[in-house]
C-alpha atoms as a PDB file:
ATOM      1  CA  MET A   1       0.000   0.000   0.000  1.00  0.00           C
ATOM      2  CA  THR A   2       1.407   3.350  -0.984  1.00  0.00           C
ATOM      3  CA  ASN A   3       1.740   6.272   1.393  1.00  0.00           C
ATOM      4  CA  ARG A   4      -1.047   8.150  -0.423  1.00  0.00           C
ATOM      5  CA  SER A   5      -3.396   5.163  -0.090  1.00  0.00           C
ATOM      6  CA  ARG A   6      -2.488   4.708   3.582  1.00  0.00           C
ATOM      7  CA  GLN A   7      -3.238   8.423   4.281  1.00  0.00           C
ATOM      8  CA  LYS A   8      -6.659   8.206   2.598  1.00  0.00           C
ATOM      9  CA  PHE A   9      -7.488   5.082   4.614  1.00  0.00           C
ATOM     10  CA  LEU A  10      -6.596   6.710   7.955  1.00  0.00           C
ATOM     11  CA  THR A  11      -8.471   9.889   7.089  1.00  0.00           C
ATOM     12  CA  SER A  12     -11.652   8.034   6.170  1.00  0.00           C
ATOM     13  CA  HIS A  13     -11.558   5.932   9.353  1.00  0.00           C
ATOM     14  CA  LEU A  14     -10.973   9.005  11.523  1.00  0.00           C
ATOM     15  CA  THR A  15     -13.910  10.790   9.913  1.00  0.00           C
ATOM     16  CA  LEU A  16     -16.127   7.756  10.482  1.00  0.00           C
ATOM     17  CA  TRP A  17     -15.080   7.548  14.138  1.00  0.00           C
ATOM     18  CA  CYS A  18     -15.894  11.249  14.755  1.00  0.00           C
ATOM     19  CA  LEU A  19     -19.268  10.786  13.105  1.00  0.00           C
ATOM     20  CA  LEU A  20     -20.099   7.850  15.356  1.00  0.00           C
ATOM     21  CA  LEU A  21     -19.108   9.822  18.458  1.00  0.00           C
ATOM     22  CA  SER A  22     -21.334  12.712  17.365  1.00  0.00           C
ATOM     23  CA  ILE A  23     -24.282  10.397  16.785  1.00  0.00           C
ATOM     24  CA  HIS A  24     -23.740   8.812  20.190  1.00  0.00           C
ATOM     25  CA  ALA A  25     -23.627  12.163  21.947  1.00  0.00           C
ATOM     26  CA  THR A  26     -26.720  13.378  20.148  1.00  0.00           C
ATOM     27  CA  GLY A  27     -28.630  10.289  21.061  1.00  0.00           C
ATOM     28  CA  GLN A  28     -28.145  10.731  24.783  1.00  0.00           C
ATOM     29  CA  PRO A  29     -31.323  11.658  26.728  1.00  0.00           C
ATOM     30  CA  TYR A  30     -31.651  15.471  26.769  1.00  0.00           C
ATOM     31  CA  GLY A  31     -33.043  15.570  30.265  1.00  0.00           C
ATOM     32  CA  SER A  32     -29.999  13.841  31.727  1.00  0.00           C
ATOM     33  CA  ARG A  33     -28.020  17.095  31.601  1.00  0.00           C
ATOM     34  CA  GLU A  34     -28.765  19.951  34.024  1.00  0.00           C
ATOM     35  CA  ALA A  35     -29.931  23.148  32.361  1.00  0.00           C
ATOM     36  CA  LEU A  36     -28.699  26.443  33.775  1.00  0.00           C
ATOM     37  CA  VAL A  37     -31.693  28.735  34.378  1.00  0.00           C
ATOM     38  CA  LEU A  38     -32.673  31.864  36.285  1.00  0.00           C
ATOM     39  CA  VAL A  39     -35.732  31.569  38.513  1.00  0.00           C
ATOM     40  CA  GLU A  40     -37.827  33.860  40.670  1.00  0.00           C
ATOM     41  CA  PRO A  41     -40.693  33.319  43.135  1.00  0.00           C
ATOM     42  CA  ILE A  42     -44.309  33.452  42.046  1.00  0.00           C
ATOM     43  CA  VAL A  43     -45.800  36.932  42.569  1.00  0.00           C
ATOM     44  CA  TYR A  44     -49.376  38.152  42.356  1.00  0.00           C
ATOM     45  CA  ALA A  45     -50.906  41.371  41.061  1.00  0.00           C
ATOM     46  CA  ASN A  46     -54.404  42.740  40.595  1.00  0.00           C
ATOM     47  CA  GLU A  47     -56.092  43.172  37.284  1.00  0.00           C
ATOM     48  CA  GLU A  48     -56.470  46.867  36.464  1.00  0.00           C
ATOM     49  CA  THR A  49     -59.115  48.558  34.361  1.00  0.00           C
ATOM     50  CA  ARG A  50     -58.225  52.039  33.143  1.00  0.00           C
ATOM     51  CA  LEU A  51     -60.256  54.506  31.104  1.00  0.00           C
ATOM     52  CA  GLU A  52     -59.465  58.086  30.154  1.00  0.00           C
ATOM     53  CA  ALA A  53     -61.715  61.053  29.388  1.00  0.00           C
ATOM     54  CA  VAL A  54     -61.438  64.821  29.057  1.00  0.00           C
ATOM     55  CA  GLY A  55     -63.349  67.074  31.452  1.00  0.00           C
ATOM     56  CA  THR A  56     -63.667  70.808  32.092  1.00  0.00           C
ATOM     57  CA  ALA A  57     -63.590  72.334  35.563  1.00  0.00           C
ATOM     58  CA  GLU A  58     -66.220  74.738  36.843  1.00  0.00           C
ATOM     59  CA  ALA A  59     -66.376  76.678  40.089  1.00  0.00           C
ATOM     60  CA  ARG A  60     -68.675  75.167  42.698  1.00  0.00           C
ATOM     61  CA  ARG A  61     -70.611  78.454  42.658  1.00  0.00           C
ATOM     62  CA  SER A  62     -70.263  80.977  39.870  1.00  0.00           C
ATOM     63  CA  VAL A  63     -72.391  84.028  39.034  1.00  0.00           C
ATOM     64  CA  THR A  64     -72.286  87.120  36.860  1.00  0.00           C
ATOM     65  CA  LEU A  65     -73.328  90.179  38.849  1.00  0.00           C
ATOM     66  CA  TYR A  66     -75.891  92.650  37.476  1.00  0.00           C
ATOM     67  CA  ALA A  67     -77.552  95.748  38.873  1.00  0.00           C
ATOM     68  CA  ALA A  68     -81.233  95.560  39.778  1.00  0.00           C
ATOM     69  CA  VAL A  69     -81.973  99.067  38.467  1.00  0.00           C
ATOM     70  CA  ALA A  70     -80.602 101.598  35.999  1.00  0.00           C
ATOM     71  CA  GLU A  71     -78.522 104.204  37.818  1.00  0.00           C
ATOM     72  CA  ARG A  72     -75.211 106.057  37.900  1.00  0.00           C
ATOM     73  CA  VAL A  73     -72.236 104.332  39.576  1.00  0.00           C
ATOM     74  CA  ALA A  74     -71.180 106.215  42.702  1.00  0.00           C
ATOM     75  CA  ALA A  75     -68.342 103.942  43.902  1.00  0.00           C
ATOM     76  CA  VAL A  76     -66.548 100.721  42.925  1.00  0.00           C
ATOM     77  CA  ASN A  77     -65.168  98.954  45.999  1.00  0.00           C
ATOM     78  CA  PHE A  78     -63.118  96.185  44.397  1.00  0.00           C
ATOM     79  CA  LYS A  79     -60.367  95.459  41.905  1.00  0.00           C
ATOM     80  CA  SER A  80     -60.388  92.654  39.384  1.00  0.00           C
ATOM     81  CA  GLY A  81     -59.043  89.448  40.933  1.00  0.00           C
ATOM     82  CA  ASP A  82     -59.890  90.434  44.514  1.00  0.00           C
ATOM     83  CA  TYR A  83     -61.133  87.867  47.005  1.00  0.00           C
ATOM     84  CA  VAL A  84     -64.301  89.181  48.664  1.00  0.00           C
ATOM     85  CA  THR A  85     -66.424  87.845  51.489  1.00  0.00           C
ATOM     86  CA  GLN A  86     -70.144  87.248  51.450  1.00  0.00           C
ATOM     87  CA  GLY A  87     -72.154  90.438  52.057  1.00  0.00           C
ATOM     88  CA  ALA A  88     -69.443  92.865  50.917  1.00  0.00           C
ATOM     89  CA  ILE A  89     -70.736  95.922  48.998  1.00  0.00           C
ATOM     90  CA  LEU A  90     -68.963  95.740  45.649  1.00  0.00           C
ATOM     91  CA  VAL A  91     -70.599  98.637  43.793  1.00  0.00           C
ATOM     92  CA  GLN A  92     -72.577 101.560  45.184  1.00  0.00           C
ATOM     93  CA  LEU A  93     -75.035 103.311  42.880  1.00  0.00           C
ATOM     94  CA  ASP A  94     -76.340 106.817  43.373  1.00  0.00           C
ATOM     95  CA  ASP A  95     -79.028 106.488  46.064  1.00  0.00           C
ATOM     96  CA  ARG A  96     -79.486 110.057  47.323  1.00  0.00           C
ATOM     97  CA  ARG A  97     -83.189 110.232  46.464  1.00  0.00           C
ATOM     98  CA  GLN A  98     -83.760 106.798  47.946  1.00  0.00           C
ATOM     99  CA  GLN A  99     -82.005 107.779  51.167  1.00  0.00           C
ATOM    100  CA  VAL A 100     -84.308 110.796  51.470  1.00  0.00           C
ATOM    101  CA  ALA A 101     -87.344 108.594  50.867  1.00  0.00           C
ATOM    102  CA  LEU A 102     -86.068 106.138  53.474  1.00  0.00           C
ATOM    103  CA  LYS A 103     -85.656 108.880  56.073  1.00  0.00           C
ATOM    104  CA  GLN A 104     -89.144 110.155  55.313  1.00  0.00           C
ATOM    105  CA  ALA A 105     -90.597 106.659  55.707  1.00  0.00           C
ATOM    106  CA  GLN A 106     -88.829 106.247  59.051  1.00  0.00           C
ATOM    107  CA  LEU A 107     -90.262 109.534  60.347  1.00  0.00           C
ATOM    108  CA  ASN A 108     -93.729 108.659  59.081  1.00  0.00           C
ATOM    109  CA  LEU A 109     -93.581 105.289  60.847  1.00  0.00           C
ATOM    110  CA  GLN A 110     -92.538 106.925  64.107  1.00  0.00           C
ATOM    111  CA  ASP A 111     -95.448 109.385  63.823  1.00  0.00           C
ATOM    112  CA  THR A 112     -98.017 106.649  63.169  1.00  0.00           C
ATOM    113  CA  GLU A 113     -96.689 104.610  66.102  1.00  0.00           C
ATOM    114  CA  ARG A 114     -97.126 107.596  68.438  1.00  0.00           C
ATOM    115  CA  THR A 115    -100.629 108.157  67.119  1.00  0.00           C
ATOM    116  CA  LEU A 116    -101.490 104.479  67.596  1.00  0.00           C
ATOM    117  CA  GLU A 117    -100.246 104.537  71.193  1.00  0.00           C
ATOM    118  CA  ARG A 118    -102.312 107.645  71.987  1.00  0.00           C
ATOM    119  CA  VAL A 119    -105.488 106.224  70.420  1.00  0.00           C
ATOM    120  CA  ARG A 120    -104.999 102.930  72.257  1.00  0.00           C
ATOM    121  CA  LYS A 121    -104.891 104.715  75.639  1.00  0.00           C
ATOM    122  CA  ASN A 122    -108.009 106.710  74.787  1.00  0.00           C
ATOM    123  CA  PHE A 123    -109.761 103.532  73.684  1.00  0.00           C
ATOM    124  CA  GLU A 124    -108.910 101.813  76.965  1.00  0.00           C
ATOM    125  CA  GLN A 125    -110.501 104.783  78.786  1.00  0.00           C
ATOM    126  CA  GLY A 126    -113.576 104.575  76.565  1.00  0.00           C
ATOM    127  CA  ALA A 127    -112.952 107.957  74.975  1.00  0.00           C
ATOM    128  CA  VAL A 128    -112.783 106.734  71.349  1.00  0.00           C
ATOM    129  CA  PRO A 129    -114.565 103.959  69.438  1.00  0.00           C
ATOM    130  CA  GLN A 130    -113.007 100.771  68.070  1.00  0.00           C
ATOM    131  CA  SER A 131    -113.000 102.186  64.543  1.00  0.00           C
ATOM    132  CA  ASP A 132    -110.528 104.926  65.530  1.00  0.00           C
ATOM    133  CA  LEU A 133    -108.178 102.316  66.967  1.00  0.00           C
ATOM    134  CA  ASP A 134    -108.454 100.242  63.790  1.00  0.00           C
ATOM    135  CA  ARG A 135    -107.676 103.243  61.581  1.00  0.00           C
ATOM    136  CA  ALA A 136    -104.604 104.048  63.690  1.00  0.00           C
ATOM    137  CA  LYS A 137    -103.343 100.442  63.362  1.00  0.00           C
ATOM    138  CA  LEU A 138    -103.879 100.532  59.600  1.00  0.00           C
ATOM    139  CA  ALA A 139    -101.949 103.783  59.291  1.00  0.00           C
ATOM    140  CA  ARG A 140     -99.098 102.306  61.298  1.00  0.00           C
ATOM    141  CA  ASP A 141     -99.023  99.161  59.136  1.00  0.00           C
ATOM    142  CA  LEU A 142     -99.046 101.170  55.894  1.00  0.00           C
ATOM    143  CA  ALA A 143     -96.173 103.281  57.190  1.00  0.00           C
ATOM    144  CA  LEU A 144     -94.220 100.100  57.917  1.00  0.00           C
ATOM    145  CA  VAL A 145     -94.851  98.915  54.347  1.00  0.00           C
ATOM    146  CA  ASP A 146     -93.595 102.245  53.002  1.00  0.00           C
ATOM    147  CA  LEU A 147     -90.451 101.901  55.128  1.00  0.00           C
ATOM    148  CA  ASN A 148     -89.777  98.411  53.803  1.00  0.00           C
ATOM    149  CA  GLN A 149     -90.264  99.644  50.243  1.00  0.00           C
ATOM    150  CA  ALA A 150     -87.837 102.501  50.828  1.00  0.00           C
ATOM    151  CA  GLN A 151     -85.255 100.089  52.267  1.00  0.00           C
ATOM    152  CA  ILE A 152     -85.570  97.869  49.185  1.00  0.00           C
ATOM    153  CA  GLU A 153     -85.004 100.878  46.915  1.00  0.00           C
ATOM    154  CA  VAL A 154     -81.803 101.665  48.816  1.00  0.00           C
ATOM    155  CA  GLU A 155     -80.599  98.051  48.704  1.00  0.00           C
ATOM    156  CA  ASP A 156     -81.260  97.894  44.951  1.00  0.00           C
ATOM    157  CA  ARG A 157     -78.566 100.541  44.556  1.00  0.00           C
ATOM    158  CA  GLN A 158     -75.971  98.240  46.125  1.00  0.00           C
ATOM    159  CA  ILE A 159     -74.330  95.289  44.340  1.00  0.00           C
ATOM    160  CA  ILE A 160     -73.491  92.857  47.153  1.00  0.00           C
ATOM    161  CA  ALA A 161     -71.398  89.661  47.009  1.00  0.00           C
ATOM    162  CA  PRO A 162     -73.857  86.750  47.403  1.00  0.00           C
ATOM    163  CA  PHE A 163     -71.027  84.466  48.583  1.00  0.00           C
ATOM    164  CA  SER A 164     -67.280  84.561  49.177  1.00  0.00           C
ATOM    165  CA  GLY A 165     -65.070  84.154  46.138  1.00  0.00           C
ATOM    166  CA  TYR A 166     -62.822  85.715  43.519  1.00  0.00           C
ATOM    167  CA  LEU A 167     -63.944  88.541  41.245  1.00  0.00           C
ATOM    168  CA  GLY A 168     -63.169  88.572  37.552  1.00  0.00           C
ATOM    169  CA  LEU A 169     -62.382  91.450  35.218  1.00  0.00           C
ATOM    170  CA  SER A 170     -64.670  94.483  35.269  1.00  0.00           C
ATOM    171  CA  ASP A 171     -64.997  97.556  33.048  1.00  0.00           C
ATOM    172  CA  ILE A 172     -67.208  99.491  35.472  1.00  0.00           C
ATOM    173  CA  GLU A 173     -65.916 102.862  36.677  1.00  0.00           C
ATOM    174  CA  PRO A 174     -67.404 105.516  38.987  1.00  0.00           C
ATOM    175  CA  GLY A 175     -69.615 107.829  36.941  1.00  0.00           C
ATOM    176  CA  ASP A 176     -70.719 105.128  34.492  1.00  0.00           C
ATOM    177  CA  ARG A 177     -74.425 104.778  33.990  1.00  0.00           C
ATOM    178  CA  ILE A 178     -75.509 101.148  34.015  1.00  0.00           C
ATOM    179  CA  ASN A 179     -78.757  99.229  33.771  1.00  0.00           C
ATOM    180  CA  SER A 180     -80.023  95.743  34.571  1.00  0.00           C
ATOM    181  CA  GLN A 181     -78.390  94.380  31.393  1.00  0.00           C
ATOM    182  CA  THR A 182     -74.891  95.604  32.272  1.00  0.00           C
ATOM    183  CA  ALA A 183     -72.571  92.860  33.566  1.00  0.00           C
ATOM    184  CA  ILE A 184     -70.634  94.132  36.592  1.00  0.00           C
ATOM    185  CA  ALA A 185     -68.191  91.225  37.110  1.00  0.00           C
ATOM    186  CA  THR A 186     -68.051  87.472  37.588  1.00  0.00           C
ATOM    187  CA  LEU A 187     -67.744  85.925  41.052  1.00  0.00           C
ATOM    188  CA  ASP A 188     -66.349  82.399  41.489  1.00  0.00           C
ATOM    189  CA  ASP A 189     -66.168  80.257  44.600  1.00  0.00           C
ATOM    190  CA  ARG A 190     -63.303  78.033  43.466  1.00  0.00           C
ATOM    191  CA  GLU A 191     -62.272  76.400  46.739  1.00  0.00           C
ATOM    192  CA  THR A 192     -63.937  73.357  45.232  1.00  0.00           C
ATOM    193  CA  LEU A 193     -64.023  72.697  41.503  1.00  0.00           C
ATOM    194  CA  ILE A 194     -66.628  70.602  39.739  1.00  0.00           C
ATOM    195  CA  ILE A 195     -65.258  68.641  36.772  1.00  0.00           C
ATOM    196  CA  ASP A 196     -67.945  67.893  34.225  1.00  0.00           C
ATOM    197  CA  LEU A 197     -66.957  65.027  31.953  1.00  0.00           C
ATOM    198  CA  LYS A 198     -68.446  62.471  29.619  1.00  0.00           C
ATOM    199  CA  VAL A 199     -67.068  58.969  29.935  1.00  0.00           C
ATOM    200  CA  PRO A 200     -67.508  55.878  27.733  1.00  0.00           C
ATOM    201  CA  GLU A 201     -70.340  53.484  28.401  1.00  0.00           C
ATOM    202  CA  ALA A 202     -67.847  50.950  29.763  1.00  0.00           C
ATOM    203  CA  ALA A 203     -67.097  53.267  32.694  1.00  0.00           C
ATOM    204  CA  VAL A 204     -70.592  52.970  34.160  1.00  0.00           C
ATOM    205  CA  SER A 205     -69.785  49.723  35.968  1.00  0.00           C
ATOM    206  CA  LEU A 206     -66.459  51.133  37.182  1.00  0.00           C
ATOM    207  CA  LEU A 207     -68.072  54.192  38.721  1.00  0.00           C
ATOM    208  CA  ALA A 208     -70.581  51.962  40.476  1.00  0.00           C
ATOM    209  CA  THR A 209     -67.733  50.428  42.509  1.00  0.00           C
ATOM    210  CA  ASP A 210     -64.921  51.951  44.581  1.00  0.00           C
ATOM    211  CA  ALA A 211     -63.122  53.131  41.472  1.00  0.00           C
ATOM    212  CA  THR A 212     -60.377  55.736  41.798  1.00  0.00           C
ATOM    213  CA  LEU A 213     -60.759  58.843  39.682  1.00  0.00           C
ATOM    214  CA  THR A 214     -57.621  60.927  39.172  1.00  0.00           C
ATOM    215  CA  VAL A 215     -57.308  64.097  37.154  1.00  0.00           C
ATOM    216  CA  GLN A 216     -54.413  66.008  35.658  1.00  0.00           C
ATOM    217  CA  PRO A 217     -54.647  69.280  33.733  1.00  0.00           C
ATOM    218  CA  TRP A 218     -53.043  69.332  30.327  1.00  0.00           C
ATOM    219  CA  ARG A 219     -50.888  72.325  31.263  1.00  0.00           C
ATOM    220  CA  TYR A 220     -49.692  70.780  34.547  1.00  0.00           C
ATOM    221  CA  SER A 221     -46.746  68.387  34.615  1.00  0.00           C
ATOM    222  CA  GLY A 222     -46.945  67.403  38.281  1.00  0.00           C
ATOM    223  CA  ASP A 223     -48.521  64.366  39.884  1.00  0.00           C
ATOM    224  CA  PRO A 224     -52.214  63.669  39.231  1.00  0.00           C
ATOM    225  CA  VAL A 225     -54.668  64.581  41.978  1.00  0.00           C
ATOM    226  CA  THR A 226     -57.662  62.644  43.242  1.00  0.00           C
ATOM    227  CA  ALA A 227     -61.237  63.726  42.604  1.00  0.00           C
ATOM    228  CA  THR A 228     -64.470  62.378  44.086  1.00  0.00           C
ATOM    229  CA  VAL A 229     -67.501  61.510  41.982  1.00  0.00           C
ATOM    230  CA  VAL A 230     -70.473  63.445  43.392  1.00  0.00           C
ATOM    231  CA  GLU A 231     -73.099  63.232  40.652  1.00  0.00           C
ATOM    232  CA  LYS A 232     -73.926  60.760  37.881  1.00  0.00           C
ATOM    233  CA  ASP A 233     -76.449  61.074  35.113  1.00  0.00           C
ATOM    234  CA  SER A 234     -79.471  58.792  35.119  1.00  0.00           C
ATOM    235  CA  ARG A 235     -79.009  57.594  31.540  1.00  0.00           C
ATOM    236  CA  ILE A 236     -76.510  56.996  28.730  1.00  0.00           C
ATOM    237  CA  ASP A 237     -76.736  59.197  25.656  1.00  0.00           C
ATOM    238  CA  PRO A 238     -78.066  56.824  22.953  1.00  0.00           C
ATOM    239  CA  GLN A 239     -76.386  58.835  20.181  1.00  0.00           C
ATOM    240  CA  THR A 240     -72.850  59.168  21.556  1.00  0.00           C
ATOM    241  CA  ARG A 241     -72.927  56.207  24.008  1.00  0.00           C
ATOM    242  CA  LEU A 242     -71.399  58.512  26.614  1.00  0.00           C
ATOM    243  CA  PHE A 243     -72.258  58.838  30.296  1.00  0.00           C
ATOM    244  CA  ARG A 244     -72.148  62.216  32.066  1.00  0.00           C
ATOM    245  CA  VAL A 245     -70.384  62.434  35.422  1.00  0.00           C
ATOM    246  CA  ARG A 246     -69.473  65.258  37.811  1.00  0.00           C
ATOM    247  CA  ALA A 247     -66.469  64.977  40.092  1.00  0.00           C
ATOM    248  CA  GLU A 248     -65.457  67.257  42.955  1.00  0.00           C
ATOM    249  CA  LEU A 249     -61.851  68.450  43.287  1.00  0.00           C
ATOM    250  CA  ASP A 250     -60.440  70.083  46.435  1.00  0.00           C
ATOM    251  CA  ASN A 251     -58.876  73.366  45.281  1.00  0.00           C
ATOM    252  CA  ARG A 252     -58.294  75.181  48.586  1.00  0.00           C
ATOM    253  CA  ARG A 253     -54.685  75.840  47.556  1.00  0.00           C
ATOM    254  CA  ASP A 254     -56.062  77.606  44.467  1.00  0.00           C
ATOM    255  CA  ASP A 255     -53.880  75.579  42.099  1.00  0.00           C
ATOM    256  CA  PHE A 256     -56.450  75.449  39.297  1.00  0.00           C
ATOM    257  CA  LEU A 257     -58.832  77.928  37.687  1.00  0.00           C
ATOM    258  CA  PRO A 258     -62.390  77.345  36.489  1.00  0.00           C
ATOM    259  CA  GLY A 259     -62.375  76.388  32.833  1.00  0.00           C
ATOM    260  CA  THR A 260     -59.221  74.269  33.159  1.00  0.00           C
ATOM    261  CA  SER A 261     -59.231  71.226  30.883  1.00  0.00           C
ATOM    262  CA  PHE A 262     -58.439  68.008  32.740  1.00  0.00           C
ATOM    263  CA  ARG A 263     -57.256  64.613  31.565  1.00  0.00           C
ATOM    264  CA  THR A 264     -59.353  62.305  33.705  1.00  0.00           C
ATOM    265  CA  ILE A 265     -58.272  58.764  34.539  1.00  0.00           C
ATOM    266  CA  ILE A 266     -60.711  56.202  35.915  1.00  0.00           C
ATOM    267  CA  GLN A 267     -59.084  53.162  37.491  1.00  0.00           C
ATOM    268  CA  SER A 268     -60.537  50.061  39.075  1.00  0.00           C
ATOM    269  CA  VAL A 269     -58.696  47.198  40.801  1.00  0.00           C
ATOM    270  CA  GLY A 270     -60.036  43.767  39.940  1.00  0.00           C
ATOM    271  CA  GLU A 271     -59.243  40.115  40.626  1.00  0.00           C
ATOM    272  CA  GLU A 272     -55.776  38.932  41.649  1.00  0.00           C
ATOM    273  CA  PHE A 273     -53.700  36.846  39.212  1.00  0.00           C
ATOM    274  CA  ILE A 274     -50.118  35.609  38.847  1.00  0.00           C
ATOM    275  CA  ALA A 275     -47.833  38.262  37.354  1.00  0.00           C
ATOM    276  CA  ILE A 276     -44.951  37.130  35.149  1.00  0.00           C
ATOM    277  CA  PRO A 277     -42.396  39.016  33.027  1.00  0.00           C
ATOM    278  CA  GLU A 278     -43.232  39.125  29.340  1.00  0.00           C
ATOM    279  CA  ALA A 279     -40.013  37.238  28.548  1.00  0.00           C
ATOM    280  CA  ALA A 280     -41.152  34.263  30.650  1.00  0.00           C
ATOM    281  CA  LEU A 281     -44.201  33.612  28.454  1.00  0.00           C
ATOM    282  CA  SER A 282     -43.843  31.067  25.640  1.00  0.00           C
ATOM    283  CA  TRP A 283     -46.238  30.084  22.888  1.00  0.00           C
ATOM    284  CA  GLY A 284     -47.206  26.588  21.852  1.00  0.00           C
ATOM    285  CA  PRO A 285     -49.310  25.411  18.906  1.00  0.00           C
ATOM    286  CA  ASN A 286     -52.533  25.656  20.921  1.00  0.00           C
ATOM    287  CA  ALA A 287     -51.966  27.935  23.901  1.00  0.00           C
ATOM    288  CA  PRO A 288     -49.334  29.953  25.762  1.00  0.00           C
ATOM    289  CA  TYR A 289     -47.343  28.296  28.533  1.00  0.00           C
ATOM    290  CA  ILE A 290     -44.657  28.978  31.114  1.00  0.00           C
ATOM    291  CA  TRP A 291     -41.816  26.942  32.595  1.00  0.00           C
ATOM    292  CA  LEU A 292     -41.798  26.228  36.322  1.00  0.00           C
ATOM    293  CA  ALA A 293     -39.176  24.685  38.570  1.00  0.00           C
ATOM    294  CA  ARG A 294     -40.581  22.042  40.922  1.00  0.00           C
ATOM    295  CA  ASP A 295     -38.011  20.183  43.004  1.00  0.00           C
ATOM    296  CA  ARG A 296     -35.328  21.413  40.560  1.00  0.00           C
ATOM    297  CA  VAL A 297     -37.143  19.788  37.634  1.00  0.00           C
ATOM    298  CA  ALA A 298     -38.621  21.707  34.681  1.00  0.00           C
ATOM    299  CA  ARG A 299     -42.410  21.635  34.308  1.00  0.00           C
ATOM    300  CA  ARG A 300     -44.259  23.065  31.337  1.00  0.00           C
ATOM    301  CA  VAL A 301     -47.597  24.536  32.458  1.00  0.00           C
ATOM    302  CA  PRO A 302     -50.251  25.918  30.065  1.00  0.00           C
ATOM    303  CA  VAL A 303     -51.663  29.287  31.127  1.00  0.00           C
ATOM    304  CA  GLN A 304     -54.419  31.649  30.135  1.00  0.00           C
ATOM    305  CA  ILE A 305     -53.606  35.317  29.619  1.00  0.00           C
ATOM    306  CA  GLU A 306     -55.880  37.492  31.750  1.00  0.00           C
ATOM    307  CA  GLN A 307     -54.384  40.927  31.127  1.00  0.00           C
ATOM    308  CA  ARG A 308     -51.283  42.555  29.708  1.00  0.00           C
ATOM    309  CA  GLN A 309     -49.729  45.304  31.787  1.00  0.00           C
ATOM    310  CA  ARG A 310     -46.626  47.388  31.324  1.00  0.00           C
ATOM    311  CA  GLY A 311     -43.676  44.974  31.293  1.00  0.00           C
ATOM    312  CA  ARG A 312     -45.649  42.018  32.644  1.00  0.00           C
ATOM    313  CA  VAL A 313     -48.524  39.667  31.935  1.00  0.00           C
ATOM    314  CA  LEU A 314     -51.228  38.460  34.325  1.00  0.00           C
ATOM    315  CA  VAL A 315     -51.950  34.759  33.838  1.00  0.00           C
ATOM    316  CA  SER A 316     -53.920  31.944  35.435  1.00  0.00           C
ATOM    317  CA  GLY A 317     -53.204  28.221  35.390  1.00  0.00           C
ATOM    318  CA  ASP A 318     -52.166  25.177  37.422  1.00  0.00           C
ATOM    319  CA  ILE A 319     -49.510  27.035  39.401  1.00  0.00           C
ATOM    320  CA  LEU A 320     -48.625  26.377  43.031  1.00  0.00           C
ATOM    321  CA  PHE A 321     -47.640  29.023  45.534  1.00  0.00           C
ATOM    322  CA  ASN A 322     -44.190  27.494  46.157  1.00  0.00           C
ATOM    323  CA  ASP A 323     -43.373  27.032  42.464  1.00  0.00           C
ATOM    324  CA  LEU A 324     -40.436  28.904  40.971  1.00  0.00           C
ATOM    325  CA  LEU A 325     -40.881  30.716  37.673  1.00  0.00           C
ATOM    326  CA  ILE A 326     -38.117  30.192  35.102  1.00  0.00           C
ATOM    327  CA  THR A 327     -37.380  33.560  33.518  1.00  0.00           C
ATOM    328  CA  GLU A 328     -34.106  32.890  31.655  1.00  0.00           C
ATOM    329  CA  GLY A 329     -32.847  29.785  29.862  1.00  0.00           C
ATOM    330  CA  ILE A 330     -36.259  28.567  28.719  1.00  0.00           C
ATOM    331  CA  GLN A 331     -34.979  28.045  25.152  1.00  0.00           C
ATOM    332  CA  ASN A 332     -32.760  25.115  26.214  1.00  0.00           C
ATOM    333  CA  ILE A 333     -34.983  23.088  28.557  1.00  0.00           C
ATOM    334  CA  ARG A 334     -37.406  20.222  28.115  1.00  0.00           C
ATOM    335  CA  GLU A 335     -40.132  18.673  30.252  1.00  0.00           C
ATOM    336  CA  GLU A 336     -38.786  17.028  33.461  1.00  0.00           C
ATOM    337  CA  GLN A 337     -35.235  18.149  32.741  1.00  0.00           C
ATOM    338  CA  ALA A 338     -32.996  18.642  35.767  1.00  0.00           C
ATOM    339  CA  LEU A 339     -32.226  22.264  36.535  1.00  0.00           C
ATOM    340  CA  LYS A 340     -29.334  24.212  37.921  1.00  0.00           C
ATOM    341  CA  PHE A 341     -30.058  27.693  39.249  1.00  0.00           C
ATOM    342  CA  LYS A 342     -27.885  30.666  38.416  1.00  0.00           C
ATOM    343  CA  ASP A 343     -28.789  32.236  41.749  1.00  0.00           C
ATOM    344  CA  LEU A 344     -29.573  30.619  45.079  1.00  0.00           C
ATOM    345  CA  PRO A 345     -33.229  29.653  45.393  1.00  0.00           C
ATOM    346  CA  PRO A 346     -35.426  31.328  47.995  1.00  0.00           C
ATOM    347  CA  PRO A 347     -35.257  30.112  51.612  1.00  0.00           C
ATOM    348  CA  GLY A 348     -36.896  26.710  52.050  1.00  0.00           C
ATOM    349  CA  MET A 349     -35.984  25.413  48.597  1.00  0.00           C
ATOM    350  CA  GLU A 350     -32.937  23.574  49.876  1.00  0.00           C
ATOM    351  CA  ALA A 351     -35.026  21.875  52.549  1.00  0.00           C
ATOM    352  CA  ALA A 352     -37.441  20.656  49.920  1.00  0.00           C
ATOM    353  CA  GLU A 353     -34.727  18.849  48.022  1.00  0.00           C
END
């Protein structure tokens, strides 16, 4: 045999031997080798339902002030933006004639009261008939009516704050002549804001429970604040399929103004499920599944997806409380394969071995 023939013979036998070794190694049971995996304990989280809507804030009480009569403005006792208390005189109209009429009515009432007292004494002594006493009482009562009318005429020349709040812009100046159609200013009680919003039909059931309603104005980059639902409509709009709701927002710090547009978030916490990282979920031909470590052995468990949340998935299935979820290395494991953990298992796992 030549050297070239001997070299070909050795090369072919060596290749055959390597092929047999490869076939032998491949044919070994896969589960006999430990797979290196990363595990974590089973954790639970609640299902969350979240809806968003846009609402506009209104002051709890808001009015536009008008004069009751047409008259010249004598004094303006406020500046735009002022906070005023209930009962404060904001604008005084010219009331000189009314003050004179009021004084006259007061004097007339005093005179009729003196006359009534004198007639009553004479009647008790039998000096005058009952009709004189009745006429004196009538005169006194009519004088009292005139006094009340005069007081009303004086009060009509005063624009008074009906409640405490903040005044808006005003163009009224002393000397202006106004009438009952002239707007004096707006007055807002904004310690509490009412957010009027229309929510989707799906939110009706959420608002019937202990749902959390948070709001955040579009212009405001801080944390959302909590609002309380105080009123709900009695029906759903059949055209838009929207449901009208009013929520109350504490605004004692005066952070927000009436008319502010709010992004409203309605949240409800539901049933509790097992929460797993998205990377731990695998897909089979029929259903999704996860890998669990039970007694350091891999178990493939089918699951049902209940809800997807940010970075995790809520699932349900045949999962035990003391199971360990395999989060890394799931590509290289098979059913009932022995496992080796990258990190130490939680306390109690060693005792279970």
